[in-house]
Protein backbone atom coordinates (compact mmCIF):
# COMPACT_ATOMS: atom_id res chain seq x y z
CA MET A 1 115.66 62.57 100.57
CA SER A 2 112.16 63.37 99.37
CA ASP A 3 111.69 65.92 96.59
CA ALA A 4 108.18 66.78 97.80
CA PRO A 5 107.71 70.51 98.54
CA GLU A 6 107.81 71.46 102.19
CA PHE A 7 104.78 72.98 103.84
CA SER A 8 103.50 73.64 107.32
CA ALA A 9 100.61 71.86 108.97
CA THR A 10 98.37 74.83 108.25
CA GLU A 11 99.57 76.24 104.93
CA PRO A 12 100.31 74.67 101.52
CA PRO A 13 103.55 75.34 99.63
CA ALA A 14 103.60 78.97 98.51
CA ALA A 15 103.83 78.05 94.82
CA LEU A 16 100.83 75.72 95.05
CA LEU A 17 98.73 78.27 96.90
CA ALA A 18 99.63 80.89 94.29
CA GLU A 19 98.59 78.43 91.57
CA TRP A 20 95.19 77.92 93.20
CA ARG A 21 94.64 81.65 93.54
CA ALA A 22 95.64 82.28 89.94
CA ALA A 23 93.22 79.56 88.81
CA GLU A 24 90.33 81.23 90.62
CA GLU A 25 91.28 84.67 89.29
CA ARG A 26 91.36 83.38 85.71
CA LEU A 27 88.38 81.06 85.89
CA TYR A 28 85.40 83.24 86.72
CA PRO A 29 86.08 86.17 84.35
CA MET A 30 86.42 83.63 81.51
CA VAL A 31 82.95 82.21 82.04
CA MET A 32 81.04 85.29 83.22
CA VAL A 33 80.17 86.19 79.63
CA ILE A 34 78.73 82.72 78.94
CA PRO A 35 75.82 82.04 81.34
CA GLU A 36 75.60 78.31 80.66
CA ALA A 37 79.34 77.87 81.18
CA TYR A 38 79.21 79.87 84.41
CA GLU A 39 76.48 77.62 85.81
CA ARG A 40 78.47 74.51 84.95
CA VAL A 41 81.69 75.83 86.42
CA VAL A 42 80.06 76.92 89.67
CA ARG A 43 78.38 73.53 90.02
CA LEU A 44 81.62 71.65 89.36
CA VAL A 45 83.60 73.79 91.79
CA GLY A 46 80.93 73.21 94.43
CA GLU A 47 80.68 69.46 93.91
CA THR A 48 84.43 69.05 93.86
CA THR A 49 84.75 71.07 97.06
CA VAL A 50 82.17 68.85 98.77
CA GLU A 51 84.22 65.78 97.81
CA LEU A 52 87.34 67.45 99.17
CA GLN A 53 85.54 68.16 102.44
CA LEU A 54 85.02 64.43 102.85
CA SER A 55 88.48 63.33 101.73
CA THR A 56 90.81 66.09 102.99
CA PRO A 57 90.40 66.78 106.71
CA ASP A 58 93.54 68.93 106.85
CA VAL A 59 95.97 70.89 104.70
CA ALA A 60 98.44 68.02 104.36
CA SER A 61 95.80 65.72 102.87
CA LEU A 62 94.59 68.52 100.57
CA VAL A 63 98.12 69.01 99.23
CA ARG A 64 98.46 65.27 98.62
CA ALA A 65 95.10 65.14 96.84
CA ALA A 66 95.66 68.22 94.67
CA PRO A 67 97.43 66.52 91.71
CA GLY A 68 94.43 64.24 91.09
CA VAL A 69 91.66 66.81 91.47
CA ALA A 70 91.59 67.87 87.79
CA ASP A 71 90.96 64.27 86.73
CA ARG A 72 88.12 64.04 89.23
CA VAL A 73 86.62 67.27 87.85
CA ARG A 74 86.78 65.74 84.37
CA GLN A 75 84.92 62.65 85.59
CA LEU A 76 82.22 64.74 87.22
CA ALA A 77 81.81 66.84 84.07
CA GLU A 78 81.63 63.83 81.78
CA ALA A 79 79.05 62.17 84.03
CA ARG A 80 76.83 65.23 83.58
CA GLY A 81 77.38 65.48 79.86
CA TYR A 82 79.02 68.88 79.73
CA ALA A 83 82.74 68.27 79.56
CA ASP A 84 83.31 70.27 76.37
CA ASN A 85 85.22 73.57 76.50
CA LEU A 86 85.85 73.49 80.24
CA ASP A 87 89.28 74.03 81.77
CA PHE A 88 89.52 71.21 84.30
CA PRO A 89 92.80 72.33 85.95
CA LEU A 90 91.38 75.80 86.59
CA ILE A 91 88.21 74.35 88.09
CA ALA A 92 90.33 72.02 90.22
CA GLY A 93 92.49 74.90 91.43
CA ALA A 94 89.44 76.95 92.39
CA ALA A 95 87.97 74.00 94.31
CA CYS A 96 91.25 73.39 96.14
CA LEU A 97 91.41 77.05 97.11
CA MET A 98 87.83 76.96 98.38
CA ARG A 99 88.62 73.90 100.50
CA TYR A 100 91.77 75.57 101.83
CA ARG A 101 89.75 78.61 102.88
CA GLN A 102 87.35 76.32 104.74
CA LEU A 103 90.29 74.71 106.55
CA GLU A 104 91.66 78.16 107.39
CA ALA A 105 88.32 79.16 108.87
CA GLU A 106 88.14 75.95 110.91
CA SER A 107 91.66 76.53 112.20
CA GLY A 108 90.76 80.10 113.13
CA ARG A 109 87.74 78.95 115.12
CA ASP A 110 89.86 76.43 117.03
CA GLN A 111 92.47 79.09 117.76
CA ARG A 112 89.87 81.52 119.08
CA ARG A 113 88.45 78.86 121.39
CA ARG A 114 91.90 78.12 122.76
CA LEU A 115 92.62 81.81 123.33
CA ILE A 116 89.32 82.31 125.16
CA GLU A 117 89.82 79.21 127.29
CA GLY A 118 93.30 80.42 128.21
CA ALA A 119 92.01 83.87 129.16
CA VAL A 120 89.25 82.37 131.32
CA ALA A 121 91.72 80.07 133.08
CA ALA A 122 94.07 82.99 133.73
CA GLY A 123 91.28 85.24 134.99
CA GLU A 124 91.87 87.82 132.29
CA SER A 125 89.25 90.49 131.61
CA TRP A 126 90.05 90.81 127.89
CA VAL A 127 91.41 88.46 125.26
CA THR A 128 92.97 89.41 121.92
CA LEU A 129 91.48 87.18 119.22
CA ALA A 130 93.24 88.82 116.26
CA GLU A 131 96.39 90.92 116.26
CA GLY A 132 96.53 93.61 113.61
CA ARG A 133 99.68 94.63 111.80
CA PRO A 134 100.55 97.86 109.96
CA PRO A 135 99.66 97.60 106.24
CA THR A 136 102.71 96.35 104.33
CA THR A 137 101.26 95.68 100.89
CA PHE A 138 100.26 97.91 98.02
CA PRO A 139 97.50 98.63 97.71
CA PRO A 140 97.45 98.52 101.52
CA MET A 141 95.13 95.94 103.04
CA PRO A 142 93.13 96.81 106.17
CA SER A 143 94.59 95.48 109.41
CA THR A 144 92.33 94.69 112.37
CA THR A 145 92.93 93.95 116.03
CA LEU A 146 89.97 92.23 117.70
CA GLU A 147 89.66 92.23 121.50
CA MET A 148 86.83 90.54 123.40
CA HIS A 149 85.60 91.26 126.91
CA VAL A 150 85.63 87.77 128.42
CA ALA A 151 82.66 88.18 130.75
CA SER A 152 80.23 89.73 128.26
CA GLY A 153 81.44 88.78 124.79
CA ARG A 154 81.38 92.45 123.75
CA ALA A 155 84.28 93.07 121.40
CA LEU A 156 86.20 95.96 119.92
CA GLY A 157 87.48 95.77 116.37
CA GLN A 158 90.24 98.30 115.74
CA THR A 159 91.03 98.66 112.04
CA ILE A 160 93.70 100.65 110.25
CA ALA A 161 92.97 101.21 106.56
CA MET A 162 94.09 103.56 103.82
CA ASP A 163 91.86 105.93 101.88
CA ASP A 164 91.86 104.75 98.26
CA THR A 165 91.81 108.27 96.85
CA THR A 166 94.09 110.24 99.20
CA GLY A 167 96.33 107.56 100.66
CA ALA A 168 95.65 108.96 104.13
CA PRO A 169 95.17 106.50 106.99
CA ARG A 170 91.68 105.84 108.31
CA PHE A 171 91.05 104.43 111.76
CA VAL A 172 87.86 102.48 112.42
CA LEU A 173 86.49 101.40 115.80
CA ALA A 174 83.71 98.81 115.79
CA GLU A 175 81.78 97.40 118.73
CA LEU A 176 80.19 94.00 118.20
CA GLN A 177 78.84 91.00 120.07
CA LEU A 178 80.64 87.67 120.02
CA ASP A 179 79.88 84.27 121.49
CA ARG A 180 81.83 84.13 124.76
CA THR A 181 83.10 80.60 124.18
CA THR A 182 83.75 80.48 120.43
CA GLY A 183 84.44 84.09 119.48
CA GLU A 184 81.91 83.85 116.64
CA LEU A 185 79.82 86.90 115.73
CA THR A 186 76.32 86.48 117.19
CA ASP A 187 74.70 89.82 116.29
CA ASP A 188 74.91 91.61 112.95
CA ALA A 189 74.29 94.97 114.66
CA VAL A 190 77.82 96.39 114.50
CA VAL A 191 78.36 99.96 115.67
CA ASP A 192 81.42 101.59 114.14
CA GLU A 193 83.07 104.98 113.98
CA THR A 194 85.74 106.27 111.61
CA PHE A 195 88.55 108.63 112.62
CA SER A 196 91.22 110.46 110.68
CA ASP A 197 93.34 111.01 113.79
CA ARG A 198 95.09 108.09 115.48
CA HIS A 199 95.01 109.68 118.94
CA ALA A 200 91.27 110.33 118.78
CA TRP A 201 90.78 106.71 117.68
CA GLN A 202 92.87 105.40 120.57
CA ALA A 203 91.03 107.62 123.06
CA ALA A 204 87.66 106.40 121.76
CA THR A 205 88.86 102.80 122.06
CA ALA A 206 89.86 103.34 125.69
CA SER A 207 86.51 104.99 126.43
CA LYS A 208 84.59 102.13 124.81
CA ARG A 209 86.61 99.59 126.79
CA GLU A 210 85.79 101.33 130.05
CA SER A 211 82.11 101.51 129.10
CA ILE A 212 81.97 97.79 128.33
CA GLU A 213 83.69 96.91 131.62
CA GLY A 214 81.21 99.07 133.56
CA ARG A 215 78.07 97.51 132.10
CA ARG A 216 76.02 95.05 134.11
């Protein structure tokens, strides 16, 4: 039996992902006070990420490559003559996390395309591209449901957030324009409204949906 940590096709082992996040959180504050170090670190993270783009097309290959990334960072630093006083494992962790975020984004785009294609095939008027959940962390993180009108690409983003000062819930309704085939944002002109009452928010959402459906 293999002792390798288990992970899904789309997510690394939890401990490894936590290690990458911790590396990023530690790395940048350490070098912010030293401009020349910051420039070197940013360049090394970027160059390492580019190499990972070429060599790790999915999460499984990224996980396999991760143990050797710090050595590769060292080689890149030495080739540029600034290997002194740099934490190679932290730089490697930050690069791995950046590559993982890219893979997450790519996976999200593929999922949105599949959802839209399925809605078109089924003759649906609306498709849910993201399903929000009630905040379960502290501090609470915003949760957004994103629905797109299939025929027009007009979308409604329905966000539940918490006021940082009062702890009261805030409900945000945003109308935006998406590409009808990819679900990507195509127009930065986002119109949003904020509500303190859930029922008013839900009523506004229903009204917006009817308005979008009635447009020609």
